[in-house]
Amino acid sequence: MIGRQSCRKKLTADWYGGVGLRFRMMSVTLHEIYSQYPLPGRKDYPDNTETGASFFPFVNIGLRMGFEL
């Protein structure tokens, strides 16, 4: 991450950006099954937990604003 902070009177702005890699992992529990178009060859059961993971490049650019009280 790299950034710059600028101040004007009582207002502060933080500009930042960066590039990196992100790993995301999730766990999903199906409580109820309804699919208007079910996938062929796949059976889902109630109260079944599925896990998944993904790894991908990530670009983060943003602006944060603040003010002095």
Protein backbone atom coordinates (compact mmCIF):
# COMPACT_ATOMS: atom_id res chain seq x y z
CA MET A 1 0.00 0.00 0.00
CA ILE A 2 1.10 3.52 -0.72
CA GLY A 3 -0.75 6.71 0.04
CA ARG A 4 -0.82 10.41 0.66
CA GLN A 5 -2.60 12.51 3.25
CA SER A 6 -3.74 16.05 2.59
CA CYS A 7 -5.18 18.51 5.11
CA ARG A 8 -7.23 21.66 4.54
CA LYS A 9 -8.47 23.56 7.57
CA LYS A 10 -10.46 20.91 9.50
CA LEU A 11 -10.84 18.42 6.63
CA THR A 12 -8.40 15.54 6.07
CA ALA A 13 -8.24 13.28 3.01
CA ASP A 14 -6.29 10.00 2.78
CA TRP A 15 -5.62 8.80 -0.78
CA TYR A 16 -4.25 5.26 -1.05
CA GLY A 17 -3.66 2.42 -3.47
CA GLY A 18 -1.99 -0.94 -3.65
CA VAL A 19 -1.70 -4.26 -5.47
CA GLY A 20 -1.53 -7.68 -3.86
CA LEU A 21 -2.91 -11.20 -3.68
CA ARG A 22 -6.09 -12.16 -1.84
CA PHE A 23 -7.09 -15.54 -0.42
CA ARG A 24 -10.78 -15.91 0.41
CA MET A 25 -12.31 -18.93 2.14
CA MET A 26 -15.99 -19.44 2.88
CA SER A 27 -18.32 -21.99 4.42
CA VAL A 28 -22.01 -22.05 3.41
CA THR A 29 -24.82 -23.99 5.12
CA LEU A 30 -27.92 -24.74 3.02
CA HIS A 31 -31.04 -24.52 5.19
CA GLU A 32 -33.64 -24.85 2.48
CA ILE A 33 -33.43 -26.04 -1.11
CA TYR A 34 -35.24 -24.33 -3.94
CA SER A 35 -34.02 -24.08 -7.49
CA GLN A 36 -36.20 -23.31 -10.44
CA TYR A 37 -33.40 -24.56 -12.71
CA PRO A 38 -31.45 -27.30 -10.88
CA LEU A 39 -27.97 -28.18 -12.14
CA PRO A 40 -27.84 -31.59 -13.87
CA GLY A 41 -26.05 -34.27 -11.86
CA ARG A 42 -25.99 -32.22 -8.64
CA LYS A 43 -28.04 -33.04 -5.56
CA ASP A 44 -28.28 -30.61 -2.66
CA TYR A 45 -29.52 -31.71 0.75
CA PRO A 46 -30.87 -29.50 3.55
CA ASP A 47 -28.46 -28.62 6.37
CA ASN A 48 -25.50 -29.51 4.19
CA THR A 49 -22.32 -27.42 4.58
CA GLU A 50 -20.17 -26.59 1.57
CA THR A 51 -16.75 -24.95 1.66
CA GLY A 52 -14.91 -23.08 -1.05
CA ALA A 53 -11.70 -21.15 -1.48
CA SER A 54 -10.36 -18.70 -4.06
CA PHE A 55 -7.00 -17.04 -4.64
CA PHE A 56 -6.75 -14.04 -6.97
CA PRO A 57 -4.88 -10.77 -7.65
CA PHE A 58 -6.38 -7.73 -5.97
CA VAL A 59 -6.16 -3.99 -6.66
CA ASN A 60 -7.16 -1.63 -3.85
CA ILE A 61 -7.67 2.08 -4.54
CA GLY A 62 -9.53 4.41 -2.21
CA LEU A 63 -10.16 7.70 -0.49
CA ARG A 64 -10.91 8.21 3.18
CA MET A 65 -12.30 11.52 4.43
CA GLY A 66 -12.20 12.82 7.99
CA PHE A 67 -12.69 16.03 9.90
CA GLU A 68 -11.50 17.50 13.17
CA LEU A 69 -14.06 17.92 15.94
